[in-house]
Every structure is written in structure tokens, then in C-alpha cells.
Amino acid sequence: MRILYLLCCLMFSSVASAGSPNVYTASVKGEFDVVYKHVYDSLEKNRFFVVLEPDIGKNISRFAKKWGDDYNQNKLERMKSMVFCNGWYANLVSNADPEMVAMCPLHLTMTHKAGITSVHFVRPDKVAQGSKAEKVAKELTEKIIKAIDAGMKLKN
């Protein structure tokens, strides 16, 4: 009975993936637009303001015929990004290491397949390793992942 309970909990909770150590990935069973809105709202609530929302899936779908078998081989049903920024952190990063402003603005990409919505986020703490901006990038990464995780819980 305990094992069944644990399996049910795992099925209906968000899951962080152990893929690339440079990319934070979390997934949850849920409709794309609902999860997307929750993550968007959570970022904004945590002062990471979304400035652009490229719908990558829609944009590349125009090339399906031209690309043939090379188009969407993983059969992703949705793929959309959020480009976001927090001026305070952009300033801290540029003060610590002007080259690291290459991370600004930040972004994440959300995908959807077979009822599972996932968020993929390139970790600033990994990008800034060894730079003078490493400490602030670590703090920034932690805050963004916390906001992503809060959004993936699908609670108002």
C-alpha cells in the first residue's frame, strides 16, 4: 500500500530531470496553457518580468513540409519560450563581470508532449562558473528555479 501511495504521489507531482547539469528541467502532468500561465505568473510575482513570448513551435511549424523527416522528430506538441529580466540582477551581474551580461535577458522554454508539460532553463550559475559573477549567478539561479517550481505546482 505504501508503494502504491508513493507511486501516485510521483505521478501527480512535478519532477525535476537529471539531464544536462547545465539545464534545469521540471515536468508536470497538465495542459500546456494552464502550466505556462502559472509559470509566467510565478516569474512575475518574483520580479522576473516577461518581456517576450516567442511561440517557437508555431514559428517552425511553417517549415514542416520543407523539412520533411527532419521536422519535429521528438513529436513535441507545443514549444514556447519566455524571455524575462530583473533589472536589479542585470545590474549586479554587469557590476561583477561585464561579459556575463550575455545572459541577459534570461529565458526558459516550455514544451508539451503526451499530457506532460516541461520547462527547460539554462542555469546562469553554470554559465558564470569561474567568473566574478558566479556568486550573484548562483543566487539568481536559485530564485528563478524557486519561481519555476512554484509555478509548476499549479496552485493559485
N, C-alpha and C. Protein backbone atom coordinates (compact mmCIF):
# COMPACT_ATOMS: atom_id res chain seq x y z
N MET A 1 0.83 -1.19 0.00
CA MET A 1 0.00 0.00 0.00
C MET A 1 0.87 1.25 0.00
N ARG A 2 1.95 1.21 0.77
CA ARG A 2 2.87 2.36 0.81
C ARG A 2 3.48 2.65 -0.55
N ILE A 3 3.85 1.60 -1.23
CA ILE A 3 4.46 1.76 -2.55
C ILE A 3 3.46 2.37 -3.53
N LEU A 4 2.22 1.91 -3.48
CA LEU A 4 1.18 2.46 -4.35
C LEU A 4 0.98 3.95 -4.07
N TYR A 5 0.97 4.32 -2.79
CA TYR A 5 0.82 5.72 -2.41
C TYR A 5 1.98 6.55 -2.97
N LEU A 6 3.20 6.07 -2.82
CA LEU A 6 4.37 6.80 -3.33
C LEU A 6 4.33 6.94 -4.84
N LEU A 7 3.92 5.89 -5.53
CA LEU A 7 3.81 5.97 -6.98
C LEU A 7 2.78 7.00 -7.41
N CYS A 8 1.65 7.04 -6.72
CA CYS A 8 0.62 8.04 -7.03
C CYS A 8 1.13 9.45 -6.79
N CYS A 9 1.85 9.65 -5.70
CA CYS A 9 2.41 10.97 -5.41
C CYS A 9 3.38 11.40 -6.51
N LEU A 10 4.20 10.47 -6.98
CA LEU A 10 5.15 10.79 -8.03
C LEU A 10 4.46 11.11 -9.34
N MET A 11 3.39 10.41 -9.65
CA MET A 11 2.69 10.64 -10.91
C MET A 11 2.04 12.01 -10.98
N PHE A 12 1.59 12.53 -9.85
CA PHE A 12 0.84 13.77 -9.86
C PHE A 12 1.63 14.95 -9.29
N SER A 13 2.92 14.86 -9.26
CA SER A 13 3.75 15.96 -8.78
C SER A 13 4.70 16.36 -9.88
N SER A 14 5.27 17.54 -9.74
CA SER A 14 6.26 17.95 -10.72
C SER A 14 7.55 17.22 -10.44
N VAL A 15 8.31 17.00 -11.50
CA VAL A 15 9.53 16.22 -11.39
C VAL A 15 10.67 16.99 -12.02
N ALA A 16 11.78 17.08 -11.31
CA ALA A 16 12.99 17.69 -11.89
C ALA A 16 13.78 16.59 -12.57
N SER A 17 14.30 16.87 -13.73
CA SER A 17 15.01 15.88 -14.51
C SER A 17 16.50 15.89 -14.20
N ALA A 18 17.13 14.77 -14.44
CA ALA A 18 18.57 14.66 -14.22
C ALA A 18 19.30 14.64 -15.56
N GLY A 19 18.87 15.47 -16.51
CA GLY A 19 19.52 15.54 -17.82
C GLY A 19 20.83 16.28 -17.71
N SER A 20 21.05 17.25 -18.57
CA SER A 20 22.27 18.05 -18.56
C SER A 20 22.37 18.84 -17.26
N PRO A 21 23.54 18.87 -16.65
CA PRO A 21 23.68 19.67 -15.43
C PRO A 21 23.61 21.18 -15.71
N ASN A 22 23.69 21.57 -16.96
CA ASN A 22 23.63 22.98 -17.33
C ASN A 22 22.21 23.48 -17.56
N VAL A 23 21.26 22.56 -17.64
CA VAL A 23 19.88 22.91 -17.91
C VAL A 23 19.01 22.34 -16.79
N TYR A 24 18.23 23.22 -16.16
CA TYR A 24 17.26 22.78 -15.16
C TYR A 24 15.99 22.42 -15.91
N THR A 25 15.48 21.22 -15.66
CA THR A 25 14.24 20.77 -16.29
C THR A 25 13.29 20.28 -15.22
N ALA A 26 12.05 20.71 -15.32
CA ALA A 26 10.99 20.22 -14.43
C ALA A 26 9.78 19.91 -15.30
N SER A 27 9.04 18.86 -14.93
CA SER A 27 7.89 18.44 -15.71
C SER A 27 6.71 18.18 -14.79
N VAL A 28 5.52 18.37 -15.35
CA VAL A 28 4.29 18.13 -14.60
C VAL A 28 3.22 17.67 -15.59
N LYS A 29 2.36 16.80 -15.12
CA LYS A 29 1.22 16.41 -15.94
C LYS A 29 0.24 17.58 -15.91
N GLY A 30 -0.09 18.09 -17.08
CA GLY A 30 -1.00 19.21 -17.13
C GLY A 30 -1.07 19.83 -18.50
N GLU A 31 -2.16 20.54 -18.73
CA GLU A 31 -2.40 21.19 -20.01
C GLU A 31 -1.41 22.36 -20.18
N PHE A 32 -0.86 22.47 -21.35
CA PHE A 32 0.22 23.42 -21.61
C PHE A 32 -0.14 24.85 -21.22
N ASP A 33 -1.26 25.37 -21.70
CA ASP A 33 -1.59 26.77 -21.46
C ASP A 33 -1.78 27.07 -19.97
N VAL A 34 -2.31 26.11 -19.23
CA VAL A 34 -2.51 26.30 -17.79
C VAL A 34 -1.15 26.35 -17.08
N VAL A 35 -0.28 25.40 -17.38
CA VAL A 35 1.04 25.36 -16.74
C VAL A 35 1.84 26.60 -17.14
N TYR A 36 1.80 26.94 -18.43
CA TYR A 36 2.53 28.11 -18.92
C TYR A 36 2.12 29.36 -18.14
N LYS A 37 0.81 29.56 -17.98
CA LYS A 37 0.30 30.74 -17.26
C LYS A 37 0.76 30.75 -15.81
N HIS A 38 0.77 29.60 -15.16
CA HIS A 38 1.21 29.53 -13.77
C HIS A 38 2.71 29.87 -13.65
N VAL A 39 3.52 29.37 -14.57
CA VAL A 39 4.96 29.68 -14.54
C VAL A 39 5.17 31.16 -14.83
N TYR A 40 4.48 31.68 -15.83
CA TYR A 40 4.55 33.11 -16.17
C TYR A 40 4.23 33.96 -14.94
N ASP A 41 3.09 33.66 -14.31
CA ASP A 41 2.65 34.44 -13.13
C ASP A 41 3.64 34.33 -11.99
N SER A 42 4.21 33.16 -11.79
CA SER A 42 5.18 32.96 -10.71
C SER A 42 6.46 33.75 -10.97
N LEU A 43 6.94 33.76 -12.21
CA LEU A 43 8.11 34.58 -12.54
C LEU A 43 7.83 36.05 -12.22
N GLU A 44 6.71 36.54 -12.70
CA GLU A 44 6.38 37.95 -12.48
C GLU A 44 6.19 38.27 -10.99
N LYS A 45 5.56 37.37 -10.27
CA LYS A 45 5.38 37.56 -8.82
C LYS A 45 6.73 37.67 -8.11
N ASN A 46 7.73 36.99 -8.66
CA ASN A 46 9.07 37.02 -8.09
C ASN A 46 9.97 38.05 -8.77
N ARG A 47 9.35 39.00 -9.46
CA ARG A 47 10.02 40.16 -10.05
C ARG A 47 10.95 39.82 -11.22
N PHE A 48 10.63 38.75 -11.92
CA PHE A 48 11.29 38.42 -13.18
C PHE A 48 10.25 38.67 -14.27
N PHE A 49 10.37 39.83 -14.91
CA PHE A 49 9.32 40.32 -15.79
C PHE A 49 9.50 39.79 -17.21
N VAL A 50 8.45 39.15 -17.71
CA VAL A 50 8.45 38.56 -19.05
C VAL A 50 8.31 39.69 -20.06
N VAL A 51 9.27 39.76 -20.98
CA VAL A 51 9.27 40.84 -21.97
C VAL A 51 8.99 40.35 -23.39
N LEU A 52 9.04 39.03 -23.59
CA LEU A 52 8.82 38.47 -24.93
C LEU A 52 8.40 37.01 -24.77
N GLU A 53 7.49 36.57 -25.64
CA GLU A 53 6.99 35.19 -25.58
C GLU A 53 7.00 34.55 -26.98
N PRO A 54 8.17 34.15 -27.46
CA PRO A 54 8.22 33.52 -28.78
C PRO A 54 7.55 32.15 -28.78
N ASP A 55 6.62 31.95 -29.71
CA ASP A 55 5.97 30.66 -29.87
C ASP A 55 6.77 29.88 -30.91
N ILE A 56 7.80 29.20 -30.44
CA ILE A 56 8.75 28.52 -31.32
C ILE A 56 8.06 27.43 -32.13
N GLY A 57 7.21 26.66 -31.46
CA GLY A 57 6.50 25.59 -32.17
C GLY A 57 5.68 26.11 -33.34
N LYS A 58 4.97 27.19 -33.11
CA LYS A 58 4.15 27.78 -34.17
C LYS A 58 5.04 28.30 -35.30
N ASN A 59 6.14 28.96 -34.91
CA ASN A 59 7.04 29.53 -35.92
C ASN A 59 7.67 28.46 -36.81
N ILE A 60 8.12 27.36 -36.21
CA ILE A 60 8.79 26.35 -37.04
C ILE A 60 7.79 25.44 -37.76
N SER A 61 6.53 25.43 -37.33
CA SER A 61 5.54 24.58 -38.00
C SER A 61 5.37 24.95 -39.46
N ARG A 62 5.69 26.20 -39.81
CA ARG A 62 5.60 26.64 -41.21
C ARG A 62 6.58 25.90 -42.11
N PHE A 63 7.60 25.27 -41.50
CA PHE A 63 8.62 24.60 -42.28
C PHE A 63 8.45 23.08 -42.30
N ALA A 64 7.35 22.58 -41.77
CA ALA A 64 7.13 21.14 -41.68
C ALA A 64 7.28 20.45 -43.04
N LYS A 65 6.63 20.99 -44.04
CA LYS A 65 6.69 20.38 -45.37
C LYS A 65 8.10 20.45 -45.96
N LYS A 66 8.72 21.60 -45.81
CA LYS A 66 10.06 21.81 -46.37
C LYS A 66 11.10 20.91 -45.68
N TRP A 67 11.00 20.76 -44.37
CA TRP A 67 11.98 19.97 -43.63
C TRP A 67 11.70 18.48 -43.64
N GLY A 68 10.48 18.10 -43.97
CA GLY A 68 10.13 16.69 -44.10
C GLY A 68 10.43 15.88 -42.84
N ASP A 69 11.20 14.81 -43.00
CA ASP A 69 11.52 13.92 -41.87
C ASP A 69 12.37 14.59 -40.80
N ASP A 70 12.98 15.73 -41.12
CA ASP A 70 13.79 16.44 -40.12
C ASP A 70 12.94 17.33 -39.21
N TYR A 71 11.66 17.45 -39.50
CA TYR A 71 10.78 18.32 -38.71
C TYR A 71 10.26 17.60 -37.47
N ASN A 72 10.47 18.22 -36.31
CA ASN A 72 9.87 17.81 -35.03
C ASN A 72 9.96 16.31 -34.79
N GLN A 73 11.15 15.78 -34.84
CA GLN A 73 11.35 14.35 -34.67
C GLN A 73 10.94 13.83 -33.29
N ASN A 74 10.95 14.69 -32.28
CA ASN A 74 10.52 14.27 -30.94
C ASN A 74 9.02 14.43 -30.73
N LYS A 75 8.31 14.87 -31.78
CA LYS A 75 6.85 14.99 -31.75
C LYS A 75 6.34 15.87 -30.61
N LEU A 76 7.05 16.98 -30.37
CA LEU A 76 6.60 17.94 -29.36
C LEU A 76 5.32 18.60 -29.86
N GLU A 77 4.33 18.67 -28.98
CA GLU A 77 3.04 19.24 -29.35
C GLU A 77 3.02 20.76 -29.19
N ARG A 78 3.82 21.27 -28.28
CA ARG A 78 3.94 22.72 -28.06
C ARG A 78 5.39 23.02 -27.69
N MET A 79 5.83 24.21 -28.05
CA MET A 79 7.15 24.69 -27.70
C MET A 79 7.10 26.22 -27.71
N LYS A 80 7.21 26.80 -26.51
CA LYS A 80 7.09 28.25 -26.39
C LYS A 80 8.07 28.74 -25.33
N SER A 81 8.66 29.90 -25.55
CA SER A 81 9.64 30.45 -24.63
C SER A 81 9.12 31.69 -23.92
N MET A 82 9.75 32.00 -22.81
CA MET A 82 9.55 33.25 -22.10
C MET A 82 10.92 33.90 -21.96
N VAL A 83 11.03 35.13 -22.40
CA VAL A 83 12.24 35.91 -22.22
C VAL A 83 11.92 36.89 -21.10
N PHE A 84 12.76 36.90 -20.06
CA PHE A 84 12.44 37.69 -18.88
C PHE A 84 13.69 38.34 -18.31
N CYS A 85 13.45 39.34 -17.44
CA CYS A 85 14.56 40.11 -16.89
C CYS A 85 14.19 40.67 -15.51
N ASN A 86 15.22 40.87 -14.73
CA ASN A 86 15.11 41.60 -13.47
C ASN A 86 16.26 42.60 -13.50
N GLY A 87 15.93 43.87 -13.56
CA GLY A 87 16.95 44.92 -13.69
C GLY A 87 17.97 44.90 -12.58
N TRP A 88 17.54 44.61 -11.36
CA TRP A 88 18.46 44.57 -10.21
C TRP A 88 19.55 43.53 -10.45
N TYR A 89 19.15 42.33 -10.87
CA TYR A 89 20.13 41.27 -11.10
C TYR A 89 20.99 41.57 -12.33
N ALA A 90 20.40 42.17 -13.36
CA ALA A 90 21.20 42.54 -14.54
C ALA A 90 22.31 43.51 -14.13
N ASN A 91 21.97 44.45 -13.26
CA ASN A 91 22.95 45.41 -12.76
C ASN A 91 24.04 44.72 -11.93
N LEU A 92 23.63 43.83 -11.03
CA LEU A 92 24.61 43.11 -10.20
C LEU A 92 25.56 42.28 -11.05
N VAL A 93 25.01 41.60 -12.05
CA VAL A 93 25.85 40.77 -12.94
C VAL A 93 26.82 41.66 -13.70
N SER A 94 26.33 42.76 -14.27
CA SER A 94 27.22 43.63 -15.05
C SER A 94 28.27 44.29 -14.18
N ASN A 95 27.96 44.57 -12.91
CA ASN A 95 28.95 45.12 -11.99
C ASN A 95 30.04 44.10 -11.69
N ALA A 96 29.65 42.84 -11.54
CA ALA A 96 30.61 41.78 -11.18
C ALA A 96 31.47 41.37 -12.37
N ASP A 97 30.87 41.23 -13.53
CA ASP A 97 31.60 40.78 -14.72
C ASP A 97 30.83 41.21 -15.96
N PRO A 98 31.24 42.31 -16.60
CA PRO A 98 30.50 42.84 -17.75
C PRO A 98 30.26 41.82 -18.87
N GLU A 99 31.13 40.84 -19.03
CA GLU A 99 30.92 39.83 -20.08
C GLU A 99 29.72 38.95 -19.79
N MET A 100 29.39 38.78 -18.53
CA MET A 100 28.29 37.90 -18.16
C MET A 100 26.92 38.50 -18.45
N VAL A 101 26.87 39.78 -18.87
CA VAL A 101 25.57 40.32 -19.28
C VAL A 101 25.07 39.61 -20.54
N ALA A 102 25.91 38.78 -21.12
CA ALA A 102 25.47 37.96 -22.25
C ALA A 102 24.29 37.07 -21.84
N MET A 103 24.13 36.83 -20.54
CA MET A 103 23.00 36.03 -20.05
C MET A 103 21.70 36.82 -20.07
N CYS A 104 21.79 38.14 -20.17
CA CYS A 104 20.60 38.99 -20.09
C CYS A 104 20.07 39.28 -21.48
N PRO A 105 18.79 39.24 -21.72
CA PRO A 105 17.79 38.77 -20.78
C PRO A 105 17.85 37.25 -20.67
N LEU A 106 17.27 36.75 -19.61
CA LEU A 106 17.20 35.32 -19.36
C LEU A 106 16.03 34.72 -20.13
N HIS A 107 16.02 33.41 -20.25
CA HIS A 107 14.89 32.78 -20.93
C HIS A 107 14.71 31.35 -20.44
N LEU A 108 13.52 30.85 -20.67
CA LEU A 108 13.23 29.44 -20.47
C LEU A 108 12.35 29.01 -21.64
N THR A 109 12.33 27.72 -21.88
CA THR A 109 11.48 27.19 -22.94
C THR A 109 10.61 26.10 -22.35
N MET A 110 9.33 26.13 -22.69
CA MET A 110 8.40 25.13 -22.22
C MET A 110 7.96 24.26 -23.39
N THR A 111 7.85 22.97 -23.13
CA THR A 111 7.42 22.02 -24.15
C THR A 111 6.25 21.20 -23.61
N HIS A 112 5.54 20.57 -24.53
CA HIS A 112 4.41 19.73 -24.13
C HIS A 112 4.36 18.52 -25.05
N LYS A 113 4.18 17.35 -24.43
CA LYS A 113 4.06 16.11 -25.19
C LYS A 113 3.33 15.08 -24.33
N ALA A 114 2.33 14.46 -24.90
CA ALA A 114 1.59 13.37 -24.25
C ALA A 114 1.10 13.72 -22.85
N GLY A 115 0.56 14.93 -22.71
CA GLY A 115 -0.02 15.34 -21.43
C GLY A 115 0.97 15.86 -20.41
N ILE A 116 2.24 15.89 -20.75
CA ILE A 116 3.29 16.36 -19.83
C ILE A 116 3.84 17.69 -20.34
N THR A 117 3.82 18.69 -19.48
CA THR A 117 4.41 19.99 -19.80
C THR A 117 5.72 20.11 -19.04
N SER A 118 6.76 20.52 -19.75
CA SER A 118 8.10 20.64 -19.16
C SER A 118 8.63 22.04 -19.36
N VAL A 119 9.46 22.46 -18.42
CA VAL A 119 10.17 23.73 -18.53
C VAL A 119 11.65 23.41 -18.54
N HIS A 120 12.39 24.11 -19.41
CA HIS A 120 13.83 23.92 -19.57
C HIS A 120 14.49 25.29 -19.42
N PHE A 121 15.44 25.37 -18.51
CA PHE A 121 16.06 26.66 -18.17
C PHE A 121 17.57 26.50 -18.08
N VAL A 122 18.31 27.25 -18.93
CA VAL A 122 19.77 27.24 -18.88
C VAL A 122 20.20 27.93 -17.59
N ARG A 123 20.95 27.23 -16.78
CA ARG A 123 21.30 27.71 -15.44
C ARG A 123 22.40 28.78 -15.49
N PRO A 124 22.10 30.02 -15.06
CA PRO A 124 23.13 31.06 -15.03
C PRO A 124 24.33 30.69 -14.14
N ASP A 125 24.11 29.94 -13.07
CA ASP A 125 25.23 29.56 -12.21
C ASP A 125 26.23 28.68 -12.94
N LYS A 126 25.78 27.91 -13.92
CA LYS A 126 26.70 27.07 -14.71
C LYS A 126 27.42 27.92 -15.76
N VAL A 127 26.70 28.87 -16.36
CA VAL A 127 27.29 29.75 -17.37
C VAL A 127 28.38 30.62 -16.74
N ALA A 128 28.15 31.08 -15.53
CA ALA A 128 29.08 32.03 -14.88
C ALA A 128 30.17 31.36 -14.05
N GLN A 129 30.25 30.03 -14.09
CA GLN A 129 31.29 29.36 -13.29
C GLN A 129 32.67 29.90 -13.63
N GLY A 130 33.40 30.25 -12.58
CA GLY A 130 34.76 30.75 -12.74
C GLY A 130 34.84 32.24 -13.00
N SER A 131 33.70 32.92 -13.14
CA SER A 131 33.73 34.37 -13.38
C SER A 131 33.48 35.09 -12.05
N LYS A 132 33.70 36.39 -12.08
CA LYS A 132 33.43 37.20 -10.89
C LYS A 132 31.94 37.32 -10.61
N ALA A 133 31.11 36.93 -11.56
CA ALA A 133 29.66 36.99 -11.39
C ALA A 133 29.09 35.66 -10.87
N GLU A 134 29.95 34.73 -10.54
CA GLU A 134 29.49 33.39 -10.13
C GLU A 134 28.57 33.44 -8.91
N LYS A 135 28.90 34.23 -7.93
CA LYS A 135 28.11 34.29 -6.70
C LYS A 135 26.70 34.83 -6.97
N VAL A 136 26.61 35.93 -7.70
CA VAL A 136 25.30 36.51 -7.99
C VAL A 136 24.52 35.59 -8.93
N ALA A 137 25.21 34.92 -9.84
CA ALA A 137 24.53 33.99 -10.76
C ALA A 137 23.95 32.81 -9.99
N LYS A 138 24.63 32.38 -8.95
CA LYS A 138 24.11 31.28 -8.12
C LYS A 138 22.82 31.72 -7.42
N GLU A 139 22.83 32.90 -6.84
CA GLU A 139 21.64 33.43 -6.18
C GLU A 139 20.49 33.59 -7.18
N LEU A 140 20.81 34.12 -8.35
CA LEU A 140 19.82 34.32 -9.40
C LEU A 140 19.21 32.99 -9.83
N THR A 141 20.05 31.99 -10.03
CA THR A 141 19.58 30.67 -10.43
C THR A 141 18.63 30.09 -9.39
N GLU A 142 19.00 30.19 -8.14
CA GLU A 142 18.16 29.65 -7.06
C GLU A 142 16.79 30.33 -7.04
N LYS A 143 16.76 31.64 -7.22
CA LYS A 143 15.49 32.38 -7.18
C LYS A 143 14.61 32.01 -8.38
N ILE A 144 15.21 31.87 -9.54
CA ILE A 144 14.42 31.53 -10.72
C ILE A 144 13.89 30.10 -10.62
N ILE A 145 14.72 29.17 -10.18
CA ILE A 145 14.26 27.78 -10.03
C ILE A 145 13.14 27.71 -9.00
N LYS A 146 13.25 28.47 -7.94
CA LYS A 146 12.19 28.52 -6.94
C LYS A 146 10.88 29.03 -7.56
N ALA A 147 10.98 30.06 -8.40
CA ALA A 147 9.79 30.60 -9.08
C ALA A 147 9.22 29.59 -10.07
N ILE A 148 10.08 28.91 -10.81
CA ILE A 148 9.62 27.87 -11.75
C ILE A 148 8.89 26.78 -10.98
N ASP A 149 9.52 26.29 -9.93
CA ASP A 149 8.91 25.21 -9.14
C ASP A 149 7.57 25.61 -8.57
N ALA A 150 7.46 26.85 -8.10
CA ALA A 150 6.18 27.34 -7.56
C ALA A 150 5.12 27.35 -8.67
N GLY A 151 5.50 27.77 -9.86
CA GLY A 151 4.58 27.80 -10.98
C GLY A 151 4.17 26.41 -11.44
N MET A 152 5.06 25.46 -11.32
CA MET A 152 4.78 24.09 -11.76
C MET A 152 3.85 23.35 -10.79
N LYS A 153 3.62 23.89 -9.62
CA LYS A 153 2.73 23.24 -8.65
C LYS A 153 1.26 23.43 -9.01
N LEU A 154 0.97 24.33 -9.92
CA LEU A 154 -0.37 24.58 -10.45
C LEU A 154 -1.37 25.00 -9.37
N LYS A 155 -0.89 25.72 -8.39
CA LYS A 155 -1.78 26.26 -7.36
C LYS A 155 -1.88 27.75 -7.55
N ASN A 156 -3.04 28.30 -7.25
CA ASN A 156 -3.22 29.75 -7.35
C ASN A 156 -2.63 30.46 -6.16
